[in-house]
N, C-alpha and C. Protein backbone atom coordinates (compact mmCIF):
# COMPACT_ATOMS: atom_id res chain seq x y z
N MET A 1 7.97 0.28 7.70
CA MET A 1 6.78 0.28 7.93
C MET A 1 6.09 -1.39 9.02
N ASN A 2 5.12 -0.80 10.47
CA ASN A 2 4.57 -2.54 10.64
C ASN A 2 3.34 -2.34 11.35
N ALA A 3 2.57 -1.20 10.28
CA ALA A 3 0.92 -1.44 10.88
C ALA A 3 0.67 -2.03 10.22
N PRO A 4 -0.22 -3.08 11.25
CA PRO A 4 -1.40 -4.00 10.83
C PRO A 4 -2.39 -3.55 10.61
N GLY A 5 -3.13 -3.55 8.85
CA GLY A 5 -4.31 -3.40 9.01
C GLY A 5 -4.98 -3.32 7.02
N TRP A 6 -6.19 -2.75 7.04
CA TRP A 6 -6.20 -2.07 5.42
C TRP A 6 -5.47 -1.18 5.13
N LEU A 7 -5.05 -0.45 3.61
CA LEU A 7 -3.71 -0.35 2.81
C LEU A 7 -5.13 0.46 1.68
N LEU A 8 -5.23 1.36 1.60
CA LEU A 8 -6.51 1.68 0.74
C LEU A 8 -5.70 2.68 -0.24
N CYS A 9 -6.35 2.81 -1.68
CA CYS A 9 -5.58 2.97 -2.68
C CYS A 9 -6.49 4.29 -3.50
N LEU A 10 -6.87 5.96 -2.62
CA LEU A 10 -8.16 6.17 -2.07
C LEU A 10 -7.86 7.39 -4.22
N LYS A 11 -6.55 7.28 -4.41
CA LYS A 11 -6.14 8.26 -5.88
C LYS A 11 -4.81 8.03 -6.14
N GLY A 12 -4.85 7.77 -7.21
CA GLY A 12 -3.23 7.46 -7.25
C GLY A 12 -3.15 6.25 -8.33
N GLU A 13 -1.44 5.63 -7.88
CA GLU A 13 -0.92 4.52 -7.84
C GLU A 13 -0.22 4.49 -6.65
N ALA A 14 0.47 3.21 -6.51
CA ALA A 14 1.63 2.91 -5.00
C ALA A 14 2.06 0.96 -5.52
N VAL A 15 2.98 0.62 -4.79
CA VAL A 15 3.52 -0.36 -5.04
C VAL A 15 4.43 -0.31 -3.41
N ILE A 16 3.81 -1.38 -2.67
CA ILE A 16 4.05 -1.77 -0.83
C ILE A 16 5.28 -2.77 -1.84
N ASP A 17 5.90 -2.25 -0.44
CA ASP A 17 7.26 -3.08 -0.87
C ASP A 17 6.83 -4.47 0.69
N LEU A 18 6.99 -5.13 0.51
CA LEU A 18 6.95 -6.70 1.52
C LEU A 18 7.93 -7.86 1.51
N PRO A 19 8.01 -8.19 2.65
CA PRO A 19 9.50 -8.78 2.69
C PRO A 19 9.52 -9.69 2.22
N ASP A 20 10.02 -10.27 1.98
CA ASP A 20 10.94 -11.22 0.94
C ASP A 20 10.78 -10.58 -0.50
N GLY A 21 10.96 -10.36 -1.31
CA GLY A 21 10.95 -10.23 -2.62
C GLY A 21 9.65 -9.63 -2.64
N ASP A 22 8.83 -9.44 -1.63
CA ASP A 22 7.14 -9.29 -3.08
C ASP A 22 6.65 -8.04 -2.64
N PHE A 23 6.03 -8.12 -3.75
CA PHE A 23 5.01 -6.06 -4.18
C PHE A 23 4.17 -6.75 -4.75
N VAL A 24 2.77 -5.98 -3.76
CA VAL A 24 1.15 -5.88 -4.61
C VAL A 24 1.87 -4.03 -5.45
N ARG A 25 0.85 -3.65 -6.73
CA ARG A 25 0.52 -2.63 -7.11
C ARG A 25 -0.66 -2.05 -6.63
N LEU A 26 -1.10 -1.47 -5.87
CA LEU A 26 -1.76 -0.70 -5.41
C LEU A 26 -2.49 0.60 -6.44
N ARG A 27 -3.81 0.25 -7.56
CA ARG A 27 -4.76 1.16 -7.95
C ARG A 27 -5.65 1.98 -7.11
N ALA A 28 -6.01 3.27 -7.82
CA ALA A 28 -7.28 3.20 -6.66
C ALA A 28 -8.97 2.85 -7.41
N GLY A 29 -8.99 2.73 -5.59
CA GLY A 29 -10.83 1.71 -5.42
C GLY A 29 -9.82 0.59 -5.08
N GLU A 30 -8.58 -0.13 -4.75
CA GLU A 30 -7.92 -1.25 -5.18
C GLU A 30 -7.66 -1.20 -3.35
N GLY A 31 -7.47 -2.42 -2.12
CA GLY A 31 -7.14 -2.11 -1.01
C GLY A 31 -6.11 -2.80 -1.02
N TYR A 32 -5.20 -3.87 -0.36
CA TYR A 32 -4.55 -4.88 0.51
C TYR A 32 -4.60 -5.27 2.15
N GLN A 33 -4.76 -5.69 2.44
CA GLN A 33 -4.70 -6.12 4.37
C GLN A 33 -2.85 -6.26 4.16
N LEU A 34 -2.64 -5.21 4.83
CA LEU A 34 -1.05 -6.07 5.38
C LEU A 34 -0.88 -6.88 6.34
N ALA A 35 -0.66 -7.51 6.75
CA ALA A 35 0.44 -7.98 8.44
C ALA A 35 1.37 -8.05 9.09
N SER A 36 2.63 -7.74 7.90
CA SER A 36 3.28 -7.42 8.85
C SER A 36 4.50 -6.30 7.41
N MET A 37 5.42 -5.92 8.13
CA MET A 37 6.63 -6.00 7.72
C MET A 37 6.29 -4.70 5.81
N TRP A 38 5.45 -4.09 6.65
CA TRP A 38 6.52 -3.01 4.77
C TRP A 38 6.62 -2.11 4.44
N ASP A 39 7.07 -1.27 3.60
CA ASP A 39 6.79 0.11 3.34
C ASP A 39 6.26 0.43 1.53
N VAL A 40 6.46 1.52 1.73
CA VAL A 40 4.93 1.93 0.54
C VAL A 40 5.41 2.99 -0.46
N LEU A 41 6.08 3.02 -1.83
CA LEU A 41 6.11 3.93 -3.12
C LEU A 41 5.57 4.25 -3.81
N PRO A 42 4.71 5.30 -3.30
CA PRO A 42 4.01 6.07 -4.28
C PRO A 42 4.66 5.78 -6.18
N THR A 43 4.34 6.05 -7.18
CA THR A 43 4.34 5.47 -8.84
C THR A 43 3.36 6.92 -9.82
N ARG A 44 2.88 7.38 -8.33
CA ARG A 44 1.92 9.13 -9.12
C ARG A 44 1.61 9.23 -8.52
N ASP A 45 1.63 11.06 -8.57
CA ASP A 45 2.25 11.96 -8.18
C ASP A 45 0.80 12.47 -7.50
N GLY A 46 0.14 12.85 -6.32
CA GLY A 46 -1.08 12.62 -6.27
C GLY A 46 -1.94 12.30 -6.13
N THR A 47 -0.55 11.00 -5.50
CA THR A 47 -1.44 9.56 -4.89
C THR A 47 -1.63 9.59 -3.47
N THR A 48 -2.84 9.22 -3.57
CA THR A 48 -3.69 9.40 -1.74
C THR A 48 -4.29 7.88 -1.23
N LEU A 49 -3.59 7.15 -0.10
CA LEU A 49 -3.39 6.19 0.81
C LEU A 49 -4.11 6.62 1.64
N LEU A 50 -3.74 5.38 2.49
CA LEU A 50 -5.47 5.06 2.98
C LEU A 50 -5.39 3.88 3.92
N LEU A 51 -4.82 3.99 5.23
CA LEU A 51 -3.87 2.89 6.32
C LEU A 51 -5.03 3.08 7.57
N MET A 52 -6.32 1.58 8.02
CA MET A 52 -7.15 1.28 8.61
C MET A 52 -6.80 0.26 9.48
N GLY A 53 -6.67 1.08 10.28
CA GLY A 53 -5.84 -0.57 11.09
C GLY A 53 -6.91 -1.06 12.57
């Protein structure tokens, strides 16, 4: 995806795949500001994310 903004993890856990082999793990209650290409991989059932742009 290429949508900038804040990605918030409301429930569960997810790994955000970033360019150049970087990644960020988000757990419930955590957020990360996205500014470049990214993809998301939920790592728990029922993971709920909110993208605010």
